[in-house]
Amino acid sequence: MIGIKIAGKSRSILLALLVFNFLFLICTTAFAQQSTSSPYSRYGIGDVAGKGYSQGFAMGGTNIAMQNDSTPLFFINYGNPASYSSLRLTTAELGANFNRVRLESASAKKTINNASLAFISLAFPIKKWWGASIGIIPYSSVGYKVSDNEVLPNIGSVNFLYQGSGGINQVYFGNGIKPFNNLAHLFFGSNRYQRLTSENKQAAISHIMKRKKAAQGLSIGANASYLFGTFENTRRSIFPAAAFAFNTRTGTTTQVNGFYFDYGMQYAMTIDSVRHRDLKKDVKIIFGATMAAQTNVSTKIDSLSYSYFTNSLGYEIVKDTIENIHDVKGNMTLPLTFGFGLAIKKGGWLVAADYSVQNWSQYKVFNQTQGLKNSMRISLGAQFIPSSKVNAHYFERVNYRMGLRYAQTALELKNTPLVEYGLSAGLGFPVGRNFILRNFSMVNIGLEFGQRGTTKLGLIKENFFKATIGFTINDLWFQKPKID
């Protein structure tokens, strides 16, 4: 017997936690950097990050019905925690984003680039019916700098400057289980099975087994998250032509801390015929649903307003403090969110569709609504893998992806709903395959072109290009496999 010795379970878990804690510190610093440049991020909590990693990003952002198969490569889908139950190998994901946005108004254009760390997660199987994941991801991002000029009666020209930065991060720990995974095994050991066998009632046994196997396709899961972060919003009123008027500045810092829970369900089934016609290959169908209840998180606000003038060296000289509010504590109400998804897999093809809604009209800060509207998103994506054979040509093992999405955002400005849409594509490149030690890796690249807003009624249109690169690593941890 040939033994392959792997580090003990407790030592492996300790090593994994130490590595994750180290990367957690790096990510916390990286996520604190500005990762958006949208004037629309000044509303609410900023631009809310999409769920899912590089694979789902390239497929239009679909994630609700995405689930691993029984063979590698595995991926982490924190968008629906029920998917953790289908993990068979320890999986790590790390990714980064690049955003290029072209802001366009009726009279001006500007292009801004941003790069940021996107996510880091670790997932691992605990039992054949139970998997877990831990990770850190951005929840929302604020980043903008907008100026506007108006001519006011009896005052003259006034320049208004709006600026913001920061965001909210999310650390999560999730679990997914298959509650009926062992039904068939339990039935074989039951007195009922023994009785039906002795009575030679094979049809009844087959009928019962069919029902129990169908129940085994159900998965449920939950993520427990801790939200934390700070974002700042500043408004300046500058009077360039008024000799005796002082400029004013109002800066508000909002700090958020609190727990947040989201839940998921998936049901997978396989069919081998349609209307009594045999299919050449079985078709796997997955239904998914997600939900996060309306949640209150702790919020602290500091606000300072003052009048000032600028000296000949360009420094601000404070004249009078208008308002100084410090350490005011209250709550922020995050909205109810729910979504539904469908995925169909046949051979190397995977097609997925999502529909989700967020009830932003109930978003409140210190019990005050912010005038937001309910948002809606529709996503559609597809993936094709030409061959799953071990000896297939490399480009036959590459994952080819594409997708599109449409969203009605939470903003309605000047009676105009703010709409967003995007078209995406991507590739998944396998890197190394060791079937003895069962470690597999993939580099995922995704691109998206899209648009948000309009230049009508004095609004701003965003034409954006987003790119993401993610690294997926599968390995055999916490076990001691042997080869005879």
Protein backbone atom coordinates (compact mmCIF):
# COMPACT_ATOMS: atom_id res chain seq x y z
CA MET A 1 0.00 0.00 0.00
CA ILE A 2 1.34 3.43 -0.97
CA GLY A 3 0.39 6.16 1.49
CA ILE A 4 0.22 9.84 0.63
CA LYS A 5 0.70 11.73 3.86
CA ILE A 6 -0.99 15.10 4.20
CA ALA A 7 -0.76 17.45 7.18
CA GLY A 8 -3.08 16.63 10.07
CA LYS A 9 -6.56 18.07 10.10
CA SER A 10 -6.04 20.44 13.02
CA ARG A 11 -2.74 21.71 11.60
CA SER A 12 -4.32 22.27 8.17
CA ILE A 13 -7.24 24.19 9.64
CA LEU A 14 -4.87 26.36 11.70
CA LEU A 15 -2.73 27.07 8.63
CA ALA A 16 -5.82 27.96 6.59
CA LEU A 17 -7.04 30.35 9.29
CA LEU A 18 -3.63 32.03 9.59
CA VAL A 19 -3.42 32.52 5.81
CA PHE A 20 -6.98 33.84 5.69
CA ASN A 21 -6.34 36.28 8.57
CA PHE A 22 -3.24 37.60 6.81
CA LEU A 23 -5.12 38.08 3.55
CA PHE A 24 -8.03 39.58 5.50
CA LEU A 25 -5.80 42.39 6.74
CA ILE A 26 -4.54 43.04 3.21
CA CYS A 27 -8.06 43.02 1.78
CA THR A 28 -9.44 45.34 4.45
CA THR A 29 -6.87 47.94 3.44
CA ALA A 30 -7.42 47.36 -0.29
CA PHE A 31 -11.22 47.51 -0.07
CA ALA A 32 -10.93 50.84 1.76
CA GLN A 33 -9.58 52.36 -1.44
CA GLN A 34 -11.97 54.03 -3.87
CA SER A 35 -13.28 51.46 -6.34
CA THR A 36 -15.94 53.49 -8.14
CA SER A 37 -16.08 56.87 -9.86
CA SER A 38 -19.79 57.37 -10.32
CA PRO A 39 -21.62 60.60 -9.44
CA TYR A 40 -24.62 58.40 -8.66
CA SER A 41 -22.74 56.79 -5.77
CA ARG A 42 -23.53 59.90 -3.67
CA TYR A 43 -27.02 58.52 -3.04
CA GLY A 44 -27.87 55.92 -0.40
CA ILE A 45 -24.90 53.72 0.53
CA GLY A 46 -23.24 54.14 -2.87
CA ASP A 47 -22.89 51.61 -5.65
CA VAL A 48 -23.96 48.22 -4.30
CA ALA A 49 -21.54 45.47 -5.36
CA GLY A 50 -22.88 42.63 -7.48
CA LYS A 51 -22.86 39.13 -6.04
CA GLY A 52 -20.84 36.28 -7.44
CA TYR A 53 -17.24 36.04 -8.59
CA SER A 54 -15.45 35.99 -11.94
CA GLN A 55 -17.42 33.10 -13.41
CA GLY A 56 -20.82 34.67 -12.74
CA PHE A 57 -19.55 38.14 -13.69
CA ALA A 58 -18.81 36.97 -17.23
CA MET A 59 -22.28 35.38 -17.40
CA GLY A 60 -24.23 38.58 -16.82
CA GLY A 61 -23.96 38.35 -13.05
CA THR A 62 -26.03 35.18 -12.74
CA ASN A 63 -25.55 33.30 -9.46
CA ILE A 64 -28.87 32.30 -7.87
CA ALA A 65 -29.09 28.86 -9.54
CA MET A 66 -25.35 28.29 -10.07
CA GLN A 67 -24.17 25.06 -8.46
CA ASN A 68 -21.08 22.84 -8.62
CA ASP A 69 -21.18 19.46 -10.31
CA SER A 70 -19.81 16.34 -8.61
CA THR A 71 -16.38 16.70 -10.30
CA PRO A 72 -13.78 19.53 -10.34
CA LEU A 73 -13.38 22.32 -11.08
CA PHE A 74 -15.34 23.70 -8.12
CA PHE A 75 -16.08 27.37 -7.56
CA ILE A 76 -17.48 29.46 -4.70
CA ASN A 77 -20.91 31.00 -5.17
CA TYR A 78 -21.57 33.18 -2.12
CA GLY A 79 -24.55 34.68 -4.00
CA ASN A 80 -26.54 31.61 -2.96
CA PRO A 81 -25.19 29.89 0.18
CA ALA A 82 -27.16 26.72 -0.63
CA SER A 83 -24.51 26.04 -3.29
CA TYR A 84 -21.86 25.29 -0.63
CA SER A 85 -23.46 21.88 -0.05
CA SER A 86 -22.18 20.59 -3.41
CA LEU A 87 -18.48 21.28 -2.71
CA ARG A 88 -16.18 18.25 -2.79
CA LEU A 89 -12.75 19.91 -2.54
CA THR A 90 -11.42 22.86 -0.60
CA THR A 91 -11.70 25.90 -2.86
CA ALA A 92 -10.02 29.30 -2.67
CA GLU A 93 -10.94 32.34 -4.77
CA LEU A 94 -9.08 35.63 -5.14
CA GLY A 95 -9.88 38.39 -7.61
CA ALA A 96 -9.27 41.98 -8.69
CA ASN A 97 -11.30 44.49 -10.71
CA PHE A 98 -10.50 47.27 -13.15
CA ASN A 99 -13.11 49.91 -14.01
CA ARG A 100 -12.94 52.54 -16.73
CA VAL A 101 -15.88 54.93 -16.87
CA ARG A 102 -16.55 57.77 -19.28
CA LEU A 103 -18.78 60.43 -17.73
CA GLU A 104 -20.73 62.47 -20.23
CA SER A 105 -23.01 65.45 -19.75
CA ALA A 106 -24.59 67.75 -22.32
CA SER A 107 -21.47 69.94 -22.28
CA ALA A 108 -18.50 67.91 -21.02
CA LYS A 109 -16.84 64.49 -21.01
CA LYS A 110 -14.37 62.88 -18.61
CA THR A 111 -12.74 59.45 -18.33
CA ILE A 112 -11.69 57.93 -14.99
CA ASN A 113 -9.88 54.65 -14.23
CA ASN A 114 -9.99 52.61 -11.02
CA ALA A 115 -8.50 49.32 -9.88
CA SER A 116 -9.30 47.44 -6.68
CA LEU A 117 -9.15 44.08 -4.97
CA ALA A 118 -12.50 42.40 -5.57
CA PHE A 119 -12.84 39.39 -3.27
CA ILE A 120 -11.11 36.68 -1.29
CA SER A 121 -12.92 33.55 -0.14
CA LEU A 122 -12.28 30.05 1.11
CA ALA A 123 -14.80 27.19 0.98
CA PHE A 124 -14.52 23.59 2.09
CA PRO A 125 -16.66 20.45 2.39
CA ILE A 126 -17.40 19.28 5.93
CA LYS A 127 -19.54 16.26 5.05
CA LYS A 128 -20.87 14.91 1.77
CA TRP A 129 -24.05 16.87 2.49
CA TRP A 130 -22.51 19.93 4.17
CA GLY A 131 -20.16 22.69 3.00
CA ALA A 132 -19.02 26.04 4.38
CA SER A 133 -17.38 29.24 3.15
CA ILE A 134 -15.70 32.30 4.66
CA GLY A 135 -14.66 35.44 2.85
CA ILE A 136 -14.39 39.21 2.59
CA ILE A 137 -15.99 41.21 -0.20
CA PRO A 138 -17.12 44.80 -0.83
CA TYR A 139 -20.77 45.49 -0.06
CA SER A 140 -20.93 49.03 -1.48
CA SER A 141 -18.58 51.73 -2.74
CA VAL A 142 -18.69 55.52 -2.80
CA GLY A 143 -16.47 57.57 -5.10
CA TYR A 144 -17.37 60.77 -6.95
CA LYS A 145 -16.36 64.37 -7.59
CA VAL A 146 -18.95 66.51 -9.33
CA SER A 147 -19.14 70.27 -9.83
CA ASP A 148 -22.06 72.45 -10.89
CA ASN A 149 -22.39 76.15 -11.56
CA GLU A 150 -25.54 78.19 -11.02
CA VAL A 151 -26.39 81.88 -11.20
CA LEU A 152 -28.59 82.82 -8.23
CA PRO A 153 -30.65 86.05 -7.97
CA ASN A 154 -28.98 88.78 -5.89
CA ILE A 155 -25.93 86.55 -5.38
CA GLY A 156 -24.46 85.85 -8.80
CA SER A 157 -22.41 82.87 -9.84
CA VAL A 158 -22.09 79.99 -7.36
CA ASN A 159 -19.95 76.88 -7.84
CA PHE A 160 -21.22 73.76 -6.08
CA LEU A 161 -18.68 70.95 -5.55
CA TYR A 162 -19.79 67.50 -4.39
CA GLN A 163 -17.22 64.90 -3.37
CA GLY A 164 -17.37 61.49 -1.70
CA SER A 165 -15.30 58.40 -0.93
CA GLY A 166 -15.32 55.17 1.10
CA GLY A 167 -17.74 52.28 1.28
CA ILE A 168 -18.96 49.28 3.25
CA ASN A 169 -17.18 45.93 3.45
CA GLN A 170 -18.65 42.52 4.23
CA VAL A 171 -17.05 39.61 6.07
CA TYR A 172 -19.18 36.50 5.83
CA PHE A 173 -19.33 32.93 7.09
CA GLY A 174 -21.81 30.66 5.34
CA ASN A 175 -23.06 27.09 5.48
CA GLY A 176 -25.03 25.01 2.99
CA ILE A 177 -26.57 21.58 3.58
CA LYS A 178 -28.58 18.92 1.79
CA PRO A 179 -31.10 18.03 4.51
CA PHE A 180 -32.40 14.88 2.77
CA ASN A 181 -29.08 13.61 1.40
CA ASN A 182 -29.15 10.33 3.34
CA LEU A 183 -32.78 9.34 2.74
CA ALA A 184 -32.05 6.53 0.28
CA HIS A 185 -29.40 4.99 2.54
CA LEU A 186 -31.71 5.12 5.55
CA PHE A 187 -34.49 3.50 3.56
CA PHE A 188 -32.26 0.52 2.66
CA GLY A 189 -31.65 -0.07 6.36
CA SER A 190 -35.29 0.28 7.39
CA ASN A 191 -37.80 -2.40 8.38
CA ARG A 192 -40.08 -1.18 5.63
CA TYR A 193 -37.49 -1.99 2.97
CA GLN A 194 -36.96 -5.44 4.47
CA ARG A 195 -40.70 -6.11 4.46
CA LEU A 196 -41.19 -4.94 0.86
CA THR A 197 -38.20 -7.03 -0.23
CA SER A 198 -39.56 -10.14 1.46
CA GLU A 199 -42.91 -9.53 -0.27
CA ASN A 200 -41.09 -9.03 -3.61
CA LYS A 201 -42.74 -5.64 -4.17
CA GLN A 202 -40.07 -4.20 -6.46
CA ALA A 203 -42.42 -1.64 -8.02
CA ALA A 204 -43.19 -0.15 -4.59
CA ILE A 205 -39.49 -0.06 -3.72
CA SER A 206 -38.68 1.66 -7.01
CA HIS A 207 -41.43 4.23 -6.44
CA ILE A 208 -40.23 5.03 -2.93
CA MET A 209 -36.61 5.27 -4.05
CA LYS A 210 -37.58 7.67 -6.83
CA ARG A 211 -39.28 9.99 -4.31
CA LYS A 212 -36.37 9.87 -1.87
CA LYS A 213 -33.77 10.52 -4.58
CA ALA A 214 -35.82 13.48 -5.77
CA ALA A 215 -35.83 14.92 -2.23
CA GLN A 216 -32.03 14.62 -2.14
CA GLY A 217 -31.80 17.38 -4.75
CA LEU A 218 -32.80 20.04 -2.22
CA SER A 219 -30.11 22.32 -0.73
CA ILE A 220 -30.52 25.16 1.76
CA GLY A 221 -28.00 27.59 3.20
CA ALA A 222 -27.32 30.86 4.97
CA ASN A 223 -24.59 33.50 5.19
CA ALA A 224 -23.93 35.37 8.43
CA SER A 225 -22.12 38.61 7.59
CA TYR A 226 -20.62 41.51 9.48
CA LEU A 227 -20.83 44.84 7.67
CA PHE A 228 -18.33 47.56 8.49
CA GLY A 229 -17.01 50.66 6.81
CA THR A 230 -17.05 54.43 6.51
CA PHE A 231 -18.01 56.77 3.72
CA GLU A 232 -17.65 60.54 3.52
CA ASN A 233 -19.74 63.08 1.62
CA THR A 234 -18.71 66.71 1.20
CA ARG A 235 -20.51 69.70 -0.30
CA ARG A 236 -18.92 73.07 -0.98
CA SER A 237 -20.58 76.32 -2.06
CA ILE A 238 -18.04 78.69 -3.59
CA PHE A 239 -18.81 82.34 -4.47
CA PRO A 240 -16.11 83.44 -6.93
CA ALA A 241 -17.63 86.84 -7.79
CA ALA A 242 -18.94 87.93 -4.37
CA ALA A 243 -16.38 90.13 -2.65
CA PHE A 244 -17.93 89.93 0.84
CA ALA A 245 -19.36 86.39 0.82
CA PHE A 246 -17.65 83.47 2.49
CA ASN A 247 -17.57 80.01 0.98
CA THR A 248 -19.21 77.18 2.91
CA ARG A 249 -18.27 73.53 3.39
CA THR A 250 -20.34 70.70 4.88
CA GLY A 251 -18.71 67.33 5.46
CA THR A 252 -20.52 64.24 6.76
CA THR A 253 -18.84 61.00 7.81
CA THR A 254 -21.06 57.93 8.17
CA GLN A 255 -19.75 54.84 9.95
CA VAL A 256 -21.63 51.53 9.63
CA ASN A 257 -21.33 48.38 11.76
CA GLY A 258 -23.74 45.48 12.09
CA PHE A 259 -24.72 41.93 11.30
CA TYR A 260 -26.52 40.94 8.12
CA PHE A 261 -28.02 37.58 7.14
CA ASP A 262 -29.02 36.20 3.76
CA TYR A 263 -30.52 32.83 2.87
CA GLY A 264 -30.67 30.58 -0.14
CA MET A 265 -32.33 27.49 -1.55
CA GLN A 266 -31.56 25.33 -4.59
CA TYR A 267 -33.24 22.29 -6.03
CA ALA A 268 -31.42 20.19 -8.65
CA MET A 269 -32.98 17.49 -10.78
CA THR A 270 -31.89 15.43 -13.78
CA ILE A 271 -34.13 14.35 -16.63
CA ASP A 272 -33.28 11.79 -19.32
CA SER A 273 -36.33 12.11 -21.57
CA VAL A 274 -38.89 14.62 -22.78
CA ARG A 275 -42.34 13.36 -23.80
CA HIS A 276 -41.08 9.78 -23.97
CA ARG A 277 -38.15 10.76 -26.19
CA ASP A 278 -34.73 9.78 -24.87
CA LEU A 279 -32.18 12.57 -24.61
CA LYS A 280 -28.70 11.90 -25.90
CA LYS A 281 -27.34 13.33 -22.66
CA ASP A 282 -29.05 13.90 -19.35
CA VAL A 283 -30.26 17.44 -18.68
CA LYS A 284 -29.65 18.92 -15.23
CA ILE A 285 -32.09 21.60 -14.12
CA ILE A 286 -31.48 23.76 -11.06
CA PHE A 287 -34.01 26.10 -9.46
CA GLY A 288 -32.76 28.70 -6.98
CA ALA A 289 -34.10 31.34 -4.63
CA THR A 290 -32.43 33.86 -2.31
CA MET A 291 -33.67 36.24 0.35
CA ALA A 292 -32.30 38.77 2.83
CA ALA A 293 -34.73 40.29 5.32
CA GLN A 294 -34.92 44.01 6.05
CA THR A 295 -32.11 44.69 8.52
CA ASN A 296 -31.08 47.48 10.85
CA VAL A 297 -27.35 48.12 11.33
CA SER A 298 -25.71 50.52 13.75
CA THR A 299 -24.74 53.88 12.29
CA LYS A 300 -22.70 56.78 13.63
CA ILE A 301 -22.56 60.18 11.96
CA ASP A 302 -20.16 63.09 12.36
CA SER A 303 -20.94 66.33 10.54
CA LEU A 304 -19.10 69.64 10.37
CA SER A 305 -20.20 72.78 8.53
CA TYR A 306 -18.23 76.01 8.42
CA SER A 307 -17.68 79.14 6.37
CA TYR A 308 -14.22 79.94 5.05
CA PHE A 309 -12.18 81.95 2.59
CA THR A 310 -9.11 80.97 0.58
CA ASN A 311 -5.93 82.99 1.08
CA SER A 312 -3.37 83.91 -1.56
CA LEU A 313 -1.49 80.64 -0.99
CA GLY A 314 -4.61 78.55 -1.64
CA TYR A 315 -5.19 77.50 2.00
CA GLU A 316 -8.63 77.45 3.58
CA ILE A 317 -9.05 79.89 6.47
CA VAL A 318 -12.05 79.02 8.64
CA LYS A 319 -14.24 82.00 9.48
CA ASP A 320 -17.15 80.56 11.50
CA THR A 321 -18.40 77.11 12.49
CA ILE A 322 -22.00 76.76 11.38
CA GLU A 323 -22.70 73.30 12.80
CA ASN A 324 -20.63 70.63 14.55
CA ILE A 325 -22.31 67.29 15.23
CA HIS A 326 -20.16 64.53 16.68
CA ASP A 327 -20.73 60.85 17.46
CA VAL A 328 -24.48 60.81 16.81
CA LYS A 329 -25.66 57.18 16.93
CA GLY A 330 -28.65 55.63 15.25
CA ASN A 331 -29.66 52.93 12.76
CA MET A 332 -29.54 52.40 9.02
CA THR A 333 -32.28 50.22 7.52
CA LEU A 334 -31.09 47.99 4.69
CA PRO A 335 -33.84 46.73 2.38
CA LEU A 336 -35.55 43.40 1.88
CA THR A 337 -33.97 41.53 -1.04
CA PHE A 338 -35.22 38.47 -2.88
CA GLY A 339 -34.48 36.72 -6.14
CA PHE A 340 -35.17 33.65 -8.26
CA GLY A 341 -32.94 31.79 -10.68
CA LEU A 342 -32.95 28.94 -13.18
CA ALA A 343 -30.01 27.04 -14.67
CA ILE A 344 -30.04 24.31 -17.31
CA LYS A 345 -27.01 22.14 -18.02
CA LYS A 346 -26.58 19.64 -20.83
CA GLY A 347 -23.19 18.26 -21.77
CA GLY A 348 -20.76 21.17 -21.94
CA TRP A 349 -23.52 23.79 -22.06
CA LEU A 350 -24.79 25.77 -19.08
CA VAL A 351 -27.48 28.45 -19.42
CA ALA A 352 -28.61 30.52 -16.40
CA ALA A 353 -31.12 33.30 -15.74
CA ASP A 354 -31.77 35.45 -12.63
CA TYR A 355 -34.43 37.89 -11.50
CA SER A 356 -33.98 39.88 -8.28
CA VAL A 357 -35.59 42.82 -6.47
CA GLN A 358 -34.38 45.11 -3.68
CA ASN A 359 -36.90 47.15 -1.71
CA TRP A 360 -34.84 50.37 -1.52
CA SER A 361 -37.93 52.51 -0.95
CA GLN A 362 -37.73 51.35 2.68
CA TYR A 363 -34.08 52.37 3.06
CA LYS A 364 -33.74 54.74 6.02
CA VAL A 365 -31.00 56.54 7.93
CA PHE A 366 -31.95 57.69 11.43
CA ASN A 367 -35.54 56.73 10.56
CA GLN A 368 -35.58 59.13 7.59
CA THR A 369 -36.28 57.82 4.08
CA GLN A 370 -33.93 58.93 1.31
CA GLY A 371 -36.28 59.04 -1.68
CA LEU A 372 -34.95 55.86 -3.28
CA LYS A 373 -37.05 53.49 -5.40
CA ASN A 374 -37.25 49.71 -5.49
CA SER A 375 -34.62 48.26 -7.81
CA MET A 376 -34.87 45.29 -10.18
CA ARG A 377 -32.26 43.25 -12.07
CA ILE A 378 -32.57 40.64 -14.83
CA SER A 379 -29.51 38.61 -15.88
CA LEU A 380 -28.92 35.95 -18.52
CA GLY A 381 -25.71 34.00 -19.06
CA ALA A 382 -24.25 30.97 -20.83
CA GLN A 383 -21.11 28.87 -20.54
CA PHE A 384 -19.68 26.29 -22.95
CA ILE A 385 -16.90 23.75 -22.34
CA PRO A 386 -16.12 21.83 -25.56
CA SER A 387 -14.72 18.77 -23.75
CA SER A 388 -14.26 17.44 -20.23
CA LYS A 389 -11.87 14.65 -21.20
CA VAL A 390 -8.50 14.52 -19.45
CA ASN A 391 -6.55 14.19 -22.70
CA ALA A 392 -8.55 16.79 -24.63
CA HIS A 393 -6.77 19.64 -26.40
CA TYR A 394 -6.18 22.58 -24.04
CA PHE A 395 -8.58 24.99 -25.76
CA GLU A 396 -11.27 22.29 -25.66
CA ARG A 397 -11.07 22.47 -21.87
CA VAL A 398 -11.29 26.26 -21.70
CA ASN A 399 -14.60 27.67 -20.32
CA TYR A 400 -16.23 30.12 -22.76
CA ARG A 401 -18.76 32.50 -21.20
CA MET A 402 -21.04 35.36 -22.13
CA GLY A 403 -24.02 37.19 -20.66
CA LEU A 404 -26.14 40.29 -20.46
CA ARG A 405 -28.03 42.14 -17.75
CA TYR A 406 -30.60 44.90 -17.37
CA ALA A 407 -31.37 46.82 -14.19
CA GLN A 408 -33.72 49.50 -12.99
CA THR A 409 -31.65 51.13 -10.25
CA ALA A 410 -32.89 52.64 -6.98
CA LEU A 411 -32.54 56.17 -8.38
CA GLU A 412 -35.14 58.33 -10.05
CA LEU A 413 -33.83 61.82 -10.77
CA LYS A 414 -35.90 64.62 -12.27
CA ASN A 415 -38.73 62.10 -12.80
CA THR A 416 -36.36 59.96 -14.89
CA PRO A 417 -35.65 56.37 -13.76
CA LEU A 418 -31.96 55.55 -13.87
CA VAL A 419 -31.49 52.44 -16.01
CA GLU A 420 -28.34 50.32 -16.37
CA TYR A 421 -27.44 47.54 -18.77
CA GLY A 422 -24.33 45.58 -19.66
CA LEU A 423 -22.97 42.97 -22.06
CA SER A 424 -20.27 40.60 -20.76
CA ALA A 425 -17.95 37.83 -21.91
CA GLY A 426 -15.13 35.85 -20.39
CA LEU A 427 -12.83 32.85 -20.40
CA GLY A 428 -11.81 30.31 -17.80
CA PHE A 429 -8.30 28.92 -18.34
CA PRO A 430 -7.47 25.62 -16.58
CA VAL A 431 -4.04 25.67 -14.95
CA GLY A 432 -2.55 22.35 -13.88
CA ARG A 433 -4.53 19.17 -13.23
CA ASN A 434 -3.27 16.59 -10.73
CA PHE A 435 -5.85 13.81 -10.45
CA ILE A 436 -3.77 11.86 -7.91
CA LEU A 437 -3.52 14.66 -5.38
CA ARG A 438 -6.77 16.18 -6.70
CA ASN A 439 -5.64 19.77 -7.04
CA PHE A 440 -6.97 21.91 -9.87
CA SER A 441 -6.70 25.61 -10.68
CA MET A 442 -8.28 28.06 -13.08
CA VAL A 443 -7.71 31.66 -14.10
CA ASN A 444 -10.99 33.42 -14.87
CA ILE A 445 -11.11 36.59 -16.96
CA GLY A 446 -14.31 38.59 -17.46
CA LEU A 447 -15.10 41.76 -19.43
CA GLU A 448 -18.22 43.91 -19.45
CA PHE A 449 -19.32 46.92 -21.49
CA GLY A 450 -22.32 48.87 -20.32
CA GLN A 451 -24.15 52.11 -19.80
CA ARG A 452 -26.00 53.86 -17.00
CA GLY A 453 -27.95 57.09 -17.00
CA THR A 454 -28.67 59.69 -19.69
CA THR A 455 -27.57 63.17 -20.73
CA LYS A 456 -31.17 64.40 -20.86
CA LEU A 457 -32.50 66.93 -18.31
CA GLY A 458 -28.99 67.82 -17.18
CA LEU A 459 -28.15 64.30 -15.98
CA ILE A 460 -24.94 62.36 -16.52
CA LYS A 461 -24.46 59.28 -18.69
CA GLU A 462 -21.87 56.68 -17.78
CA ASN A 463 -20.31 54.46 -20.43
CA PHE A 464 -18.27 51.90 -18.54
CA PHE A 465 -15.84 49.09 -19.15
CA LYS A 466 -15.22 46.61 -16.37
CA ALA A 467 -12.64 43.85 -16.25
CA THR A 468 -12.10 41.22 -13.60
CA ILE A 469 -9.49 38.54 -13.09
CA GLY A 470 -10.01 35.76 -10.60
CA PHE A 471 -7.96 32.81 -9.44
CA THR A 472 -9.71 29.60 -8.40
CA ILE A 473 -7.75 26.88 -6.62
CA ASN A 474 -9.13 23.43 -5.72
CA ASP A 475 -7.21 21.13 -3.41
CA LEU A 476 -7.71 18.18 -1.09
CA TRP A 477 -7.50 19.43 2.49
CA PHE A 478 -8.43 17.98 5.89
CA GLN A 479 -8.26 14.38 4.59
CA LYS A 480 -5.69 11.55 4.42
CA PRO A 481 -6.23 9.82 1.08
CA LYS A 482 -4.44 6.57 0.30
CA ILE A 483 -3.64 4.78 -2.94
CA ASP A 484 -3.50 0.98 -2.98
